[in-house]
Protein backbone atom coordinates (compact mmCIF):
# COMPACT_ATOMS: atom_id res chain seq x y z
CA MET A 1 50.90 -75.97 -137.66
CA GLU A 2 49.56 -78.96 -139.51
CA THR A 3 46.45 -79.89 -141.08
CA THR A 4 45.00 -82.82 -143.56
CA LEU A 5 43.38 -82.74 -146.92
CA ASP A 6 40.62 -84.65 -146.76
CA ARG A 7 39.18 -86.70 -149.54
CA PHE A 8 37.15 -83.95 -151.15
CA GLY A 9 40.11 -81.42 -151.36
CA ARG A 10 39.19 -79.43 -148.40
CA VAL A 11 41.69 -78.03 -145.73
CA VAL A 12 40.36 -77.19 -142.65
CA ILE A 13 42.45 -74.00 -140.98
CA PRO A 14 42.73 -74.31 -137.51
CA LYS A 15 40.84 -72.00 -135.08
CA GLN A 16 43.75 -70.32 -133.72
CA VAL A 17 44.68 -68.86 -137.16
CA ARG A 18 40.95 -68.37 -138.36
CA ASP A 19 40.74 -65.89 -135.18
CA ASP A 20 43.56 -64.38 -135.47
CA LEU A 21 42.84 -63.23 -138.87
CA GLY A 22 39.39 -62.47 -138.12
CA LEU A 23 38.11 -65.90 -140.39
CA LYS A 24 34.18 -66.14 -140.32
CA PRO A 25 32.39 -69.18 -142.13
CA GLY A 26 31.86 -67.64 -146.00
CA ALA A 27 35.28 -65.70 -146.35
CA VAL A 28 36.90 -65.48 -149.49
CA LEU A 29 39.97 -66.38 -149.83
CA GLU A 30 42.59 -65.84 -152.58
CA ILE A 31 44.59 -69.06 -153.76
CA GLU A 32 47.90 -68.91 -155.33
CA GLU A 33 50.55 -72.11 -156.31
CA VAL A 34 54.10 -70.89 -156.34
CA GLU A 35 57.00 -73.19 -156.96
CA GLN A 36 55.24 -75.94 -154.80
CA LYS A 37 53.38 -73.85 -152.40
CA ILE A 38 49.78 -73.20 -151.79
CA PHE A 39 48.94 -69.64 -150.41
CA LEU A 40 46.10 -68.53 -148.80
CA LYS A 41 45.43 -64.88 -148.39
CA PRO A 42 42.20 -63.14 -146.91
CA MET A 43 40.20 -61.06 -149.72
CA HIS A 44 38.92 -58.36 -146.99
CA GLY A 45 37.19 -56.05 -147.29
CA GLU A 46 33.71 -54.49 -148.27
CA PRO A 47 32.87 -54.92 -151.88
CA HIS A 48 32.25 -51.54 -153.46
CA VAL A 49 28.22 -50.40 -154.08
CA VAL A 50 27.45 -47.23 -153.78
CA THR A 51 24.06 -45.50 -154.88
CA LYS A 52 23.50 -43.82 -157.81
CA ASP A 53 20.00 -42.09 -158.27
CA GLY A 54 18.23 -44.81 -155.55
CA VAL A 55 19.36 -47.78 -157.51
CA LEU A 56 22.33 -50.20 -156.19
CA VAL A 57 25.79 -49.78 -158.47
CA PHE A 58 27.99 -52.13 -158.23
CA SER A 59 32.15 -52.42 -159.42
CA GLY A 60 34.73 -54.08 -159.09
CA THR A 61 35.80 -57.63 -158.15
CA ALA A 62 32.79 -59.66 -156.49
CA ILE A 63 34.89 -60.55 -152.89
CA GLY A 64 32.89 -60.20 -149.43
CA ASP A 65 29.37 -60.59 -149.13
CA ILE A 66 27.70 -59.14 -151.97
CA VAL A 67 23.92 -61.01 -150.98
CA GLY A 68 24.19 -59.04 -148.00
CA ALA A 69 24.96 -55.59 -149.35
CA ILE A 70 21.77 -55.85 -151.38
CA ARG A 71 19.84 -57.03 -148.76
CA THR A 72 20.85 -54.57 -146.31
CA HIS A 73 20.44 -51.94 -149.38
CA ARG A 74 16.83 -53.65 -149.73
CA GLN A 75 15.63 -53.67 -146.28
CA ALA A 76 16.46 -49.47 -146.15
CA ARG A 77 14.77 -48.76 -149.51
CA LEU A 78 11.69 -50.57 -148.49
CA SER A 79 11.39 -48.76 -144.85
CA GLU A 80 11.94 -45.68 -146.47
CA ILE A 81 9.46 -46.29 -149.28
CA ALA A 82 6.72 -47.60 -146.00
CA ALA A 83 7.59 -44.37 -144.25
CA ARG A 84 6.55 -42.46 -146.99
CA THR A 85 3.25 -44.12 -147.32
CA ARG A 86 2.39 -44.06 -143.77
CA LYS A 87 2.39 -39.89 -144.21
């Protein structure tokens, strides 16, 4: 396959390749340049986020949807607190 670099330095990854690799908008890609070649590698995996004593704790390299993970955790905590106050 072939693609073209635009004036801003962007490259469109063909749809078939995106579909084959499960790439969605916002996907994080590692880029490496070796001997005049460019390699793109999808950085799959969930961010390492755990709950310790009710507090969300992150350690590791920031990849994936960190904001989404925080939003999901926050919503769960708010629902839990709301359920307690209704009792």
